[in-house]
Amino acid sequence: MSDTAPDARLDPQMIAVMRRNAEIAEEAALGPPASPPEPVAARRRMAIERRWWNEDLPEIAKVSNITVAGPHGPVPVRILYPETARPLPAIVYYHGGGWVVGTLETHHRAMRFLALKSGCAVVAVDYRLAPEDPHPVPLGDCVAAVRHVQNHGGEIGLDPGAIAVGGDSAGANLAMATALSMRDAGDSPIKAVLSFYGAFEASCQSQSFTEFGDGRFGLSFDGMRWYWRAYAGPDGDLNDPLLSSMRADLAGLPPVHLFAAELDVLREDSVEMSRRLRAAGVPAELEVYDGVVHGFINLTRMLDKSHLVLDAAAASMRKSLQLD
């Protein structure tokens, strides 16, 4: 963060977070991010930037690393169990990172808190990344993880009758596309969709892109457009409703719970998606958190609103999966 006065809209804790991120980048001699991103370097950068944020993990009952069979080969999955005394509802979760970066490690602390706060097992999916594996390969991995819980949940301590899908940013896009794909298959086990600041429209023409597209709070218009093109692949159609789910027929989806950040280029994706879901007859809830930026669920070491949004998401999952 520069020495100029911070934007008055920023939560004071968010200002401290941005200063800490600048310190992490300086300590690691990362320099400014490349524009456009270079995938291998961008993955290394995120791993370094997120390492400190994922230290001091909360205790959890059990962690199990497995692989599930997918249409493009084995898919690594990490299951976080808040308890082991009974079969648990499952949140099959897809991490963010523009479909290009991110791992199970970069989101691990937030996922532990989501499991502990919700009482659900979090089934975190290490799906294949673009541009090496563009759409629909990552989506195939995501659907395969849900099918595994549906067909084998009882063998791994999960309730196959209580499954939600969720994700943040690109992961929220994959969660929505998974719900659409499985709805269209006619035998979807998904009871709810959880979305943190999802990417649902590839045109990137919303009001929040106009406001924040210069990248002052991290994610920029140019960066997001590059991620969309990387995910679509050289021959991909960005109008495909399994890519830009804002363009899909949304009728018949399970309840969708959307959480967004005020100071984020993707804010209006969540706002507009909630409106379109309701218009299609789908129960949809939306909460926008003031003063925070894209990626804020991963800032649980310093930002109270990270815990507040995870508390709210956990409550929505407990309701949808009938734990309360």
C-alpha atoms as a PDB file:
ATOM      1  CA  MET A   1       0.000   0.000   0.000  1.00  0.00           C
ATOM      2  CA  SER A   2       1.329   3.458  -0.907  1.00  0.00           C
ATOM      3  CA  ASP A   3       2.045   6.243   1.545  1.00  0.00           C
ATOM      4  CA  THR A   4      -0.848   8.293   0.173  1.00  0.00           C
ATOM      5  CA  ALA A   5      -3.995   8.595   2.285  1.00  0.00           C
ATOM      6  CA  PRO A   6      -6.084   5.412   2.087  1.00  0.00           C
ATOM      7  CA  ASP A   7      -9.552   5.474   0.576  1.00  0.00           C
ATOM      8  CA  ALA A   8     -12.025   6.663   3.220  1.00  0.00           C
ATOM      9  CA  ARG A   9     -14.362   3.785   2.382  1.00  0.00           C
ATOM     10  CA  LEU A  10     -11.871   1.161   3.579  1.00  0.00           C
ATOM     11  CA  ASP A  11     -12.529  -0.536   6.899  1.00  0.00           C
ATOM     12  CA  PRO A  12      -9.645   0.416   9.273  1.00  0.00           C
ATOM     13  CA  GLN A  13      -8.724  -3.253   9.635  1.00  0.00           C
ATOM     14  CA  MET A  14      -8.698  -3.567   5.837  1.00  0.00           C
ATOM     15  CA  ILE A  15      -6.137  -0.757   5.695  1.00  0.00           C
ATOM     16  CA  ALA A  16      -3.951  -2.695   8.142  1.00  0.00           C
ATOM     17  CA  VAL A  17      -4.379  -5.839   6.035  1.00  0.00           C
ATOM     18  CA  MET A  18      -3.264  -4.032   2.888  1.00  0.00           C
ATOM     19  CA  ARG A  19      -0.183  -2.729   4.700  1.00  0.00           C
ATOM     20  CA  ARG A  20       0.605  -6.272   5.883  1.00  0.00           C
ATOM     21  CA  ASN A  21       0.270  -7.577   2.331  1.00  0.00           C
ATOM     22  CA  ALA A  22       2.678  -4.886   1.133  1.00  0.00           C
ATOM     23  CA  GLU A  23       5.145  -5.969   3.831  1.00  0.00           C
ATOM     24  CA  ILE A  24       4.848  -9.614   2.766  1.00  0.00           C
ATOM     25  CA  ALA A  25       5.554  -8.669  -0.870  1.00  0.00           C
ATOM     26  CA  GLU A  26       8.519  -6.516   0.150  1.00  0.00           C
ATOM     27  CA  GLU A  27       9.987  -9.185   2.456  1.00  0.00           C
ATOM     28  CA  ALA A  28       9.778 -11.729  -0.381  1.00  0.00           C
ATOM     29  CA  ALA A  29      11.098  -9.237  -2.980  1.00  0.00           C
ATOM     30  CA  LEU A  30       8.098 -10.011  -5.190  1.00  0.00           C
ATOM     31  CA  GLY A  31       7.972  -6.705  -7.032  1.00  0.00           C
ATOM     32  CA  PRO A  32       4.797  -5.585  -8.799  1.00  0.00           C
ATOM     33  CA  PRO A  33       2.522  -8.274 -10.287  1.00  0.00           C
ATOM     34  CA  ALA A  34       3.030  -8.959 -13.975  1.00  0.00           C
ATOM     35  CA  SER A  35       0.381  -7.622 -16.358  1.00  0.00           C
ATOM     36  CA  PRO A  36      -0.907  -9.739 -17.932  1.00  0.00           C
ATOM     37  CA  PRO A  37      -0.181 -12.505 -15.409  1.00  0.00           C
ATOM     38  CA  GLU A  38       2.178 -15.339 -16.262  1.00  0.00           C
ATOM     39  CA  PRO A  39       0.579 -18.506 -14.835  1.00  0.00           C
ATOM     40  CA  VAL A  40       3.577 -20.205 -13.218  1.00  0.00           C
ATOM     41  CA  ALA A  41       4.885 -16.973 -11.693  1.00  0.00           C
ATOM     42  CA  ALA A  42       1.394 -15.956 -10.571  1.00  0.00           C
ATOM     43  CA  ARG A  43       0.930 -19.295  -8.788  1.00  0.00           C
ATOM     44  CA  ARG A  44       4.236 -18.900  -7.011  1.00  0.00           C
ATOM     45  CA  ARG A  45       3.341 -15.363  -6.022  1.00  0.00           C
ATOM     46  CA  MET A  46      -0.031 -16.356  -4.553  1.00  0.00           C
ATOM     47  CA  ALA A  47       1.549 -19.217  -2.609  1.00  0.00           C
ATOM     48  CA  ILE A  48       4.047 -16.791  -1.055  1.00  0.00           C
ATOM     49  CA  GLU A  49       1.467 -14.067  -0.396  1.00  0.00           C
ATOM     50  CA  ARG A  50      -0.957 -16.465   1.272  1.00  0.00           C
ATOM     51  CA  ARG A  51       1.548 -18.405   3.392  1.00  0.00           C
ATOM     52  CA  TRP A  52       1.386 -16.039   6.381  1.00  0.00           C
ATOM     53  CA  TRP A  53      -2.409 -15.812   6.183  1.00  0.00           C
ATOM     54  CA  ASN A  54      -2.705 -19.589   6.497  1.00  0.00           C
ATOM     55  CA  GLU A  55      -0.495 -20.000   9.556  1.00  0.00           C
ATOM     56  CA  ASP A  56      -1.862 -20.620  13.073  1.00  0.00           C
ATOM     57  CA  LEU A  57      -4.572 -22.992  11.846  1.00  0.00           C
ATOM     58  CA  PRO A  58      -7.561 -23.671  14.104  1.00  0.00           C
ATOM     59  CA  GLU A  59      -7.759 -27.223  15.426  1.00  0.00           C
ATOM     60  CA  ILE A  60     -10.141 -29.551  13.600  1.00  0.00           C
ATOM     61  CA  ALA A  61     -11.200 -33.133  14.319  1.00  0.00           C
ATOM     62  CA  LYS A  62      -9.833 -34.781  11.178  1.00  0.00           C
ATOM     63  CA  VAL A  63      -8.258 -34.004   7.803  1.00  0.00           C
ATOM     64  CA  SER A  64      -8.382 -36.605   5.040  1.00  0.00           C
ATOM     65  CA  ASN A  65      -6.643 -36.300   1.676  1.00  0.00           C
ATOM     66  CA  ILE A  66      -8.118 -38.526  -1.024  1.00  0.00           C
ATOM     67  CA  THR A  67      -8.452 -38.667  -4.802  1.00  0.00           C
ATOM     68  CA  VAL A  68     -11.683 -39.118  -6.712  1.00  0.00           C
ATOM     69  CA  ALA A  69     -12.143 -40.367 -10.257  1.00  0.00           C
ATOM     70  CA  GLY A  70     -12.846 -37.605 -12.770  1.00  0.00           C
ATOM     71  CA  PRO A  71     -13.415 -37.508 -16.522  1.00  0.00           C
ATOM     72  CA  HIS A  72      -9.876 -36.178 -17.053  1.00  0.00           C
ATOM     73  CA  GLY A  73      -8.087 -38.276 -14.436  1.00  0.00           C
ATOM     74  CA  PRO A  74      -7.805 -38.383 -10.637  1.00  0.00           C
ATOM     75  CA  VAL A  75      -8.845 -35.271  -8.721  1.00  0.00           C
ATOM     76  CA  PRO A  76      -7.154 -34.495  -5.365  1.00  0.00           C
ATOM     77  CA  VAL A  77      -9.631 -33.658  -2.608  1.00  0.00           C
ATOM     78  CA  ARG A  78      -9.110 -32.616   1.019  1.00  0.00           C
ATOM     79  CA  ILE A  79     -11.924 -33.298   3.484  1.00  0.00           C
ATOM     80  CA  LEU A  80     -12.069 -31.238   6.684  1.00  0.00           C
ATOM     81  CA  TYR A  81     -14.180 -32.854   9.408  1.00  0.00           C
ATOM     82  CA  PRO A  82     -15.277 -30.688  12.369  1.00  0.00           C
ATOM     83  CA  GLU A  83     -16.336 -33.920  14.114  1.00  0.00           C
ATOM     84  CA  THR A  84     -16.303 -37.622  13.354  1.00  0.00           C
ATOM     85  CA  ALA A  85     -19.055 -39.109  15.508  1.00  0.00           C
ATOM     86  CA  ARG A  86     -21.674 -39.176  12.722  1.00  0.00           C
ATOM     87  CA  PRO A  87     -22.041 -38.756   8.966  1.00  0.00           C
ATOM     88  CA  LEU A  88     -21.817 -35.038   8.222  1.00  0.00           C
ATOM     89  CA  PRO A  89     -23.429 -32.778   5.627  1.00  0.00           C
ATOM     90  CA  ALA A  90     -20.871 -31.800   3.007  1.00  0.00           C
ATOM     91  CA  ILE A  91     -19.950 -28.473   1.438  1.00  0.00           C
ATOM     92  CA  VAL A  92     -18.049 -29.327  -1.743  1.00  0.00           C
ATOM     93  CA  TYR A  93     -15.836 -26.269  -2.095  1.00  0.00           C
ATOM     94  CA  TYR A  94     -13.893 -24.773  -5.023  1.00  0.00           C
ATOM     95  CA  HIS A  95     -11.135 -22.252  -4.270  1.00  0.00           C
ATOM     96  CA  GLY A  96     -10.751 -18.934  -6.066  1.00  0.00           C
ATOM     97  CA  GLY A  97      -7.826 -17.692  -8.137  1.00  0.00           C
ATOM     98  CA  GLY A  98      -9.171 -16.814 -11.570  1.00  0.00           C
ATOM     99  CA  TRP A  99      -9.254 -20.495 -12.603  1.00  0.00           C
ATOM    100  CA  VAL A 100      -5.460 -20.090 -13.017  1.00  0.00           C
ATOM    101  CA  VAL A 101      -3.953 -19.825  -9.518  1.00  0.00           C
ATOM    102  CA  GLY A 102      -4.809 -21.078  -6.042  1.00  0.00           C
ATOM    103  CA  THR A 103      -4.504 -24.404  -4.254  1.00  0.00           C
ATOM    104  CA  LEU A 104      -5.930 -26.216  -1.263  1.00  0.00           C
ATOM    105  CA  GLU A 105      -3.209 -24.519   0.791  1.00  0.00           C
ATOM    106  CA  THR A 106      -4.000 -20.934  -0.240  1.00  0.00           C
ATOM    107  CA  HIS A 107      -7.534 -21.222   1.210  1.00  0.00           C
ATOM    108  CA  HIS A 108      -6.933 -23.740   3.975  1.00  0.00           C
ATOM    109  CA  ARG A 109      -7.479 -21.534   7.045  1.00  0.00           C
ATOM    110  CA  ALA A 110     -10.785 -20.126   5.793  1.00  0.00           C
ATOM    111  CA  MET A 111     -11.976 -23.620   4.917  1.00  0.00           C
ATOM    112  CA  ARG A 112     -11.208 -24.861   8.432  1.00  0.00           C
ATOM    113  CA  PHE A 113     -13.224 -22.033   9.903  1.00  0.00           C
ATOM    114  CA  LEU A 114     -16.105 -22.742   7.522  1.00  0.00           C
ATOM    115  CA  ALA A 115     -16.159 -26.375   8.651  1.00  0.00           C
ATOM    116  CA  LEU A 116     -15.961 -25.499  12.336  1.00  0.00           C
ATOM    117  CA  LYS A 117     -18.583 -22.747  12.165  1.00  0.00           C
ATOM    118  CA  SER A 118     -21.058 -24.726  10.030  1.00  0.00           C
ATOM    119  CA  GLY A 119     -20.700 -28.197  11.523  1.00  0.00           C
ATOM    120  CA  CYS A 120     -20.374 -29.489   7.938  1.00  0.00           C
ATOM    121  CA  ALA A 121     -17.457 -31.304   6.387  1.00  0.00           C
ATOM    122  CA  VAL A 122     -15.738 -29.113   3.786  1.00  0.00           C
ATOM    123  CA  VAL A 123     -14.718 -31.138   0.738  1.00  0.00           C
ATOM    124  CA  ALA A 124     -12.068 -28.906  -0.862  1.00  0.00           C
ATOM    125  CA  VAL A 125     -11.388 -29.745  -4.509  1.00  0.00           C
ATOM    126  CA  ASP A 126      -7.984 -29.276  -6.165  1.00  0.00           C
ATOM    127  CA  TYR A 127      -9.425 -28.945  -9.677  1.00  0.00           C
ATOM    128  CA  ARG A 128      -7.210 -28.596 -12.737  1.00  0.00           C
ATOM    129  CA  LEU A 129      -6.201 -25.071 -13.680  1.00  0.00           C
ATOM    130  CA  ALA A 130      -6.273 -23.005 -16.860  1.00  0.00           C
ATOM    131  CA  PRO A 131      -4.760 -22.146 -19.230  1.00  0.00           C
ATOM    132  CA  GLU A 132      -3.229 -25.626 -19.368  1.00  0.00           C
ATOM    133  CA  ASP A 133      -6.668 -27.132 -18.718  1.00  0.00           C
ATOM    134  CA  PRO A 134      -9.355 -24.691 -19.848  1.00  0.00           C
ATOM    135  CA  HIS A 135     -13.139 -25.056 -19.661  1.00  0.00           C
ATOM    136  CA  PRO A 136     -14.765 -27.566 -19.391  1.00  0.00           C
ATOM    137  CA  VAL A 137     -11.943 -29.540 -17.730  1.00  0.00           C
ATOM    138  CA  PRO A 138     -12.065 -27.795 -14.301  1.00  0.00           C
ATOM    139  CA  LEU A 139     -15.863 -28.071 -14.285  1.00  0.00           C
ATOM    140  CA  GLY A 140     -15.587 -31.803 -14.952  1.00  0.00           C
ATOM    141  CA  ASP A 141     -13.356 -32.154 -11.883  1.00  0.00           C
ATOM    142  CA  CYS A 142     -15.844 -30.171  -9.798  1.00  0.00           C
ATOM    143  CA  VAL A 143     -18.837 -32.273 -10.835  1.00  0.00           C
ATOM    144  CA  ALA A 144     -16.829 -35.450 -10.203  1.00  0.00           C
ATOM    145  CA  ALA A 145     -16.217 -34.426  -6.585  1.00  0.00           C
ATOM    146  CA  VAL A 146     -19.957 -33.974  -5.996  1.00  0.00           C
ATOM    147  CA  ARG A 147     -20.721 -37.297  -7.645  1.00  0.00           C
ATOM    148  CA  HIS A 148     -18.181 -38.984  -5.380  1.00  0.00           C
ATOM    149  CA  VAL A 149     -19.885 -37.644  -2.275  1.00  0.00           C
ATOM    150  CA  GLN A 150     -23.275 -38.563  -3.724  1.00  0.00           C
ATOM    151  CA  ASN A 151     -22.230 -42.145  -4.510  1.00  0.00           C
ATOM    152  CA  HIS A 152     -19.652 -42.875  -1.790  1.00  0.00           C
ATOM    153  CA  GLY A 153     -20.368 -40.402   0.993  1.00  0.00           C
ATOM    154  CA  GLY A 154     -21.349 -43.071   3.480  1.00  0.00           C
ATOM    155  CA  GLU A 155     -17.939 -44.700   3.073  1.00  0.00           C
ATOM    156  CA  ILE A 156     -16.101 -41.493   4.042  1.00  0.00           C
ATOM    157  CA  GLY A 157     -18.260 -40.198   6.867  1.00  0.00           C
ATOM    158  CA  LEU A 158     -20.458 -37.877   4.783  1.00  0.00           C
ATOM    159  CA  ASP A 159     -24.229 -37.688   4.326  1.00  0.00           C
ATOM    160  CA  PRO A 160     -24.993 -38.108   0.599  1.00  0.00           C
ATOM    161  CA  GLY A 161     -28.439 -36.621   1.175  1.00  0.00           C
ATOM    162  CA  ALA A 162     -27.052 -33.289   2.439  1.00  0.00           C
ATOM    163  CA  ILE A 163     -24.683 -31.764  -0.126  1.00  0.00           C
ATOM    164  CA  ALA A 164     -24.021 -28.109  -0.928  1.00  0.00           C
ATOM    165  CA  VAL A 165     -21.516 -26.620  -3.354  1.00  0.00           C
ATOM    166  CA  GLY A 166     -19.600 -23.417  -2.749  1.00  0.00           C
ATOM    167  CA  GLY A 167     -16.657 -21.331  -3.765  1.00  0.00           C
ATOM    168  CA  ASP A 168     -15.069 -17.908  -3.884  1.00  0.00           C
ATOM    169  CA  SER A 169     -14.531 -15.798  -7.008  1.00  0.00           C
ATOM    170  CA  ALA A 170     -13.702 -18.227  -9.842  1.00  0.00           C
ATOM    171  CA  GLY A 171     -14.616 -21.012  -7.423  1.00  0.00           C
ATOM    172  CA  ALA A 172     -18.085 -19.505  -7.003  1.00  0.00           C
ATOM    173  CA  ASN A 173     -18.386 -19.517 -10.790  1.00  0.00           C
ATOM    174  CA  LEU A 174     -17.539 -23.223 -10.756  1.00  0.00           C
ATOM    175  CA  ALA A 175     -20.031 -23.864  -7.950  1.00  0.00           C
ATOM    176  CA  MET A 176     -22.821 -22.216  -9.954  1.00  0.00           C
ATOM    177  CA  ALA A 177     -21.813 -24.052 -13.129  1.00  0.00           C
ATOM    178  CA  THR A 178     -21.719 -27.343 -11.203  1.00  0.00           C
ATOM    179  CA  ALA A 179     -25.257 -26.730  -9.926  1.00  0.00           C
ATOM    180  CA  LEU A 180     -26.456 -25.868 -13.441  1.00  0.00           C
ATOM    181  CA  SER A 181     -24.731 -28.870 -15.011  1.00  0.00           C
ATOM    182  CA  MET A 182     -26.102 -31.296 -12.439  1.00  0.00           C
ATOM    183  CA  ARG A 183     -29.593 -29.780 -12.653  1.00  0.00           C
ATOM    184  CA  ASP A 184     -29.523 -30.379 -16.385  1.00  0.00           C
ATOM    185  CA  ALA A 185     -28.382 -33.981 -15.812  1.00  0.00           C
ATOM    186  CA  GLY A 186     -31.648 -34.551 -13.952  1.00  0.00           C
ATOM    187  CA  ASP A 187     -30.385 -36.129 -10.729  1.00  0.00           C
ATOM    188  CA  SER A 188     -28.697 -33.333  -8.808  1.00  0.00           C
ATOM    189  CA  PRO A 189     -28.063 -33.980  -5.099  1.00  0.00           C
ATOM    190  CA  ILE A 190     -27.205 -30.298  -4.454  1.00  0.00           C
ATOM    191  CA  LYS A 191     -29.326 -28.660  -1.753  1.00  0.00           C
ATOM    192  CA  ALA A 192     -27.705 -25.204  -1.759  1.00  0.00           C
ATOM    193  CA  VAL A 193     -25.078 -23.028  -3.451  1.00  0.00           C
ATOM    194  CA  LEU A 194     -22.663 -20.830  -1.472  1.00  0.00           C
ATOM    195  CA  SER A 195     -20.956 -17.952  -3.285  1.00  0.00           C
ATOM    196  CA  PHE A 196     -18.312 -15.527  -2.065  1.00  0.00           C
ATOM    197  CA  TYR A 197     -17.805 -12.637  -4.545  1.00  0.00           C
ATOM    198  CA  GLY A 198     -18.504 -14.801  -7.574  1.00  0.00           C
ATOM    199  CA  ALA A 199     -17.514 -14.143 -11.200  1.00  0.00           C
ATOM    200  CA  PHE A 200     -20.668 -14.667 -13.248  1.00  0.00           C
ATOM    201  CA  GLU A 201     -20.396 -12.413 -16.320  1.00  0.00           C
ATOM    202  CA  ALA A 202     -17.420 -12.386 -18.685  1.00  0.00           C
ATOM    203  CA  SER A 203     -18.131  -8.999 -20.259  1.00  0.00           C
ATOM    204  CA  CYS A 204     -16.876  -7.196 -17.109  1.00  0.00           C
ATOM    205  CA  GLN A 205     -19.064  -4.175 -17.911  1.00  0.00           C
ATOM    206  CA  SER A 206     -20.821  -3.635 -14.562  1.00  0.00           C
ATOM    207  CA  GLN A 207     -20.791  -0.476 -12.448  1.00  0.00           C
ATOM    208  CA  SER A 208     -18.292  -1.974  -9.998  1.00  0.00           C
ATOM    209  CA  PHE A 209     -15.850  -2.626 -12.849  1.00  0.00           C
ATOM    210  CA  THR A 210     -16.235   1.043 -13.795  1.00  0.00           C
ATOM    211  CA  GLU A 211     -15.554   2.088 -10.190  1.00  0.00           C
ATOM    212  CA  PHE A 212     -12.630  -0.200  -9.327  1.00  0.00           C
ATOM    213  CA  GLY A 213     -11.334  -1.559 -12.628  1.00  0.00           C
ATOM    214  CA  ASP A 214      -8.064   0.372 -12.268  1.00  0.00           C
ATOM    215  CA  GLY A 215      -6.957  -2.221  -9.717  1.00  0.00           C
ATOM    216  CA  ARG A 216      -6.611   0.133  -6.747  1.00  0.00           C
ATOM    217  CA  PHE A 217      -7.986  -2.618  -4.485  1.00  0.00           C
ATOM    218  CA  GLY A 218      -6.256  -5.552  -6.145  1.00  0.00           C
ATOM    219  CA  LEU A 219      -8.348  -7.230  -8.828  1.00  0.00           C
ATOM    220  CA  SER A 220      -8.569  -5.092 -11.983  1.00  0.00           C
ATOM    221  CA  PHE A 221     -10.558  -5.015 -15.218  1.00  0.00           C
ATOM    222  CA  ASP A 222      -7.521  -6.066 -17.280  1.00  0.00           C
ATOM    223  CA  GLY A 223      -6.637  -8.847 -14.860  1.00  0.00           C
ATOM    224  CA  MET A 224     -10.168 -10.235 -14.729  1.00  0.00           C
ATOM    225  CA  ARG A 225     -10.536 -10.179 -18.505  1.00  0.00           C
ATOM    226  CA  TRP A 226      -7.242 -12.065 -18.828  1.00  0.00           C
ATOM    227  CA  TYR A 227      -8.472 -14.704 -16.368  1.00  0.00           C
ATOM    228  CA  TRP A 228     -11.734 -15.133 -18.281  1.00  0.00           C
ATOM    229  CA  ARG A 229      -9.880 -15.631 -21.567  1.00  0.00           C
ATOM    230  CA  ALA A 230      -7.452 -18.099 -19.955  1.00  0.00           C
ATOM    231  CA  TYR A 231     -10.339 -20.141 -18.572  1.00  0.00           C
ATOM    232  CA  ALA A 232     -12.345 -20.102 -21.803  1.00  0.00           C
ATOM    233  CA  GLY A 233      -9.352 -21.214 -23.864  1.00  0.00           C
ATOM    234  CA  PRO A 234      -8.473 -20.084 -27.386  1.00  0.00           C
ATOM    235  CA  ASP A 235     -11.661 -21.542 -28.885  1.00  0.00           C
ATOM    236  CA  GLY A 236     -13.979 -20.943 -25.936  1.00  0.00           C
ATOM    237  CA  ASP A 237     -17.254 -19.028 -26.112  1.00  0.00           C
ATOM    238  CA  LEU A 238     -17.536 -16.525 -23.248  1.00  0.00           C
ATOM    239  CA  ASN A 239     -21.309 -16.485 -23.808  1.00  0.00           C
ATOM    240  CA  ASP A 240     -21.552 -20.162 -22.826  1.00  0.00           C
ATOM    241  CA  PRO A 241     -23.927 -20.229 -19.810  1.00  0.00           C
ATOM    242  CA  LEU A 242     -21.611 -22.689 -18.057  1.00  0.00           C
ATOM    243  CA  LEU A 243     -18.936 -19.976 -18.303  1.00  0.00           C
ATOM    244  CA  SER A 244     -21.001 -16.798 -17.874  1.00  0.00           C
ATOM    245  CA  SER A 245     -23.726 -18.219 -15.654  1.00  0.00           C
ATOM    246  CA  MET A 246     -25.507 -14.847 -15.595  1.00  0.00           C
ATOM    247  CA  ARG A 247     -26.671 -15.867 -19.098  1.00  0.00           C
ATOM    248  CA  ALA A 248     -28.041 -19.255 -18.006  1.00  0.00           C
ATOM    249  CA  ASP A 249     -31.636 -20.305 -17.449  1.00  0.00           C
ATOM    250  CA  LEU A 250     -31.500 -20.258 -13.634  1.00  0.00           C
ATOM    251  CA  ALA A 251     -34.886 -21.827 -12.935  1.00  0.00           C
ATOM    252  CA  GLY A 252     -34.852 -24.970 -10.839  1.00  0.00           C
ATOM    253  CA  LEU A 253     -31.636 -24.283  -8.951  1.00  0.00           C
ATOM    254  CA  PRO A 254     -31.488 -24.875  -5.195  1.00  0.00           C
ATOM    255  CA  PRO A 255     -31.281 -21.880  -2.807  1.00  0.00           C
ATOM    256  CA  VAL A 256     -28.254 -19.661  -3.451  1.00  0.00           C
ATOM    257  CA  HIS A 257     -26.472 -17.673  -0.731  1.00  0.00           C
ATOM    258  CA  LEU A 258     -24.321 -14.826  -2.076  1.00  0.00           C
ATOM    259  CA  PHE A 259     -21.760 -12.762  -0.167  1.00  0.00           C
ATOM    260  CA  ALA A 260     -19.905  -9.857  -1.748  1.00  0.00           C
ATOM    261  CA  ALA A 261     -17.330  -7.161  -0.962  1.00  0.00           C
ATOM    262  CA  GLU A 262     -18.220  -3.498  -1.416  1.00  0.00           C
ATOM    263  CA  LEU A 263     -14.859  -2.435  -2.908  1.00  0.00           C
ATOM    264  CA  ASP A 264     -14.560  -5.169  -5.523  1.00  0.00           C
ATOM    265  CA  VAL A 265     -14.906  -5.212  -9.295  1.00  0.00           C
ATOM    266  CA  LEU A 266     -17.085  -8.330  -8.893  1.00  0.00           C
ATOM    267  CA  ARG A 267     -19.565  -6.755  -6.464  1.00  0.00           C
ATOM    268  CA  GLU A 268     -22.273  -6.205  -9.074  1.00  0.00           C
ATOM    269  CA  ASP A 269     -21.941  -9.773 -10.356  1.00  0.00           C
ATOM    270  CA  SER A 270     -23.394 -10.917  -7.034  1.00  0.00           C
ATOM    271  CA  VAL A 271     -25.996  -8.152  -6.923  1.00  0.00           C
ATOM    272  CA  GLU A 272     -27.262  -8.867 -10.431  1.00  0.00           C
ATOM    273  CA  MET A 273     -27.090 -12.634  -9.981  1.00  0.00           C
ATOM    274  CA  SER A 274     -29.272 -12.389  -6.870  1.00  0.00           C
ATOM    275  CA  ARG A 275     -31.821 -10.357  -8.842  1.00  0.00           C
ATOM    276  CA  ARG A 276     -31.887 -12.830 -11.732  1.00  0.00           C
ATOM    277  CA  LEU A 277     -32.172 -15.824  -9.425  1.00  0.00           C
ATOM    278  CA  ARG A 278     -35.196 -14.330  -7.681  1.00  0.00           C
ATOM    279  CA  ALA A 279     -36.764 -13.477 -11.029  1.00  0.00           C
ATOM    280  CA  ALA A 280     -36.336 -17.145 -11.998  1.00  0.00           C
ATOM    281  CA  GLY A 281     -38.074 -18.268  -8.800  1.00  0.00           C
ATOM    282  CA  VAL A 282     -34.897 -19.392  -7.016  1.00  0.00           C
ATOM    283  CA  PRO A 283     -34.522 -18.470  -3.323  1.00  0.00           C
ATOM    284  CA  ALA A 284     -31.519 -16.142  -3.146  1.00  0.00           C
ATOM    285  CA  GLU A 285     -29.975 -14.223  -0.260  1.00  0.00           C
ATOM    286  CA  LEU A 286     -27.359 -11.479  -0.699  1.00  0.00           C
ATOM    287  CA  GLU A 287     -25.100  -9.710   1.792  1.00  0.00           C
ATOM    288  CA  VAL A 288     -22.572  -7.039   0.759  1.00  0.00           C
ATOM    289  CA  TYR A 289     -19.826  -6.269   3.305  1.00  0.00           C
ATOM    290  CA  ASP A 290     -18.801  -2.628   3.512  1.00  0.00           C
ATOM    291  CA  GLY A 291     -15.204  -1.455   3.470  1.00  0.00           C
ATOM    292  CA  VAL A 292     -13.584  -4.697   2.305  1.00  0.00           C
ATOM    293  CA  VAL A 293     -12.016  -5.872  -0.950  1.00  0.00           C
ATOM    294  CA  HIS A 294     -11.900  -8.971  -3.097  1.00  0.00           C
ATOM    295  CA  GLY A 295     -10.562 -12.069  -1.346  1.00  0.00           C
ATOM    296  CA  PHE A 296     -11.493 -10.981   2.159  1.00  0.00           C
ATOM    297  CA  ILE A 297     -12.603 -14.401   3.454  1.00  0.00           C
ATOM    298  CA  ASN A 298      -8.934 -15.390   3.574  1.00  0.00           C
ATOM    299  CA  LEU A 299      -7.925 -12.593   5.982  1.00  0.00           C
ATOM    300  CA  THR A 300      -9.087 -14.241   9.216  1.00  0.00           C
ATOM    301  CA  ARG A 301      -5.852 -13.435  11.060  1.00  0.00           C
ATOM    302  CA  MET A 302      -6.535  -9.689  11.012  1.00  0.00           C
ATOM    303  CA  LEU A 303     -10.002  -8.866   9.669  1.00  0.00           C
ATOM    304  CA  ASP A 304     -13.131  -9.245  11.807  1.00  0.00           C
ATOM    305  CA  LYS A 305     -15.368  -9.156   8.728  1.00  0.00           C
ATOM    306  CA  SER A 306     -13.689 -12.328   7.480  1.00  0.00           C
ATOM    307  CA  HIS A 307     -15.142 -14.088  10.510  1.00  0.00           C
ATOM    308  CA  LEU A 308     -18.484 -12.304  10.194  1.00  0.00           C
ATOM    309  CA  VAL A 309     -18.959 -13.437   6.596  1.00  0.00           C
ATOM    310  CA  LEU A 310     -17.906 -16.994   7.437  1.00  0.00           C
ATOM    311  CA  ASP A 311     -20.349 -16.960  10.362  1.00  0.00           C
ATOM    312  CA  ALA A 312     -23.142 -15.851   8.032  1.00  0.00           C
ATOM    313  CA  ALA A 313     -22.182 -18.411   5.372  1.00  0.00           C
ATOM    314  CA  ALA A 314     -22.064 -21.155   8.002  1.00  0.00           C
ATOM    315  CA  ALA A 315     -25.528 -20.211   9.243  1.00  0.00           C
ATOM    316  CA  SER A 316     -26.884 -20.354   5.698  1.00  0.00           C
ATOM    317  CA  MET A 317     -25.399 -23.816   5.202  1.00  0.00           C
ATOM    318  CA  ARG A 318     -26.790 -25.066   8.525  1.00  0.00           C
ATOM    319  CA  LYS A 319     -30.228 -23.856   7.452  1.00  0.00           C
ATOM    320  CA  SER A 320     -30.104 -25.267   3.914  1.00  0.00           C
ATOM    321  CA  LEU A 321     -28.665 -28.611   5.018  1.00  0.00           C
ATOM    322  CA  GLN A 322     -31.101 -28.838   7.944  1.00  0.00           C
ATOM    323  CA  LEU A 323     -28.584 -28.893  10.764  1.00  0.00           C
ATOM    324  CA  ASP A 324     -30.668 -26.372  12.778  1.00  0.00           C
END
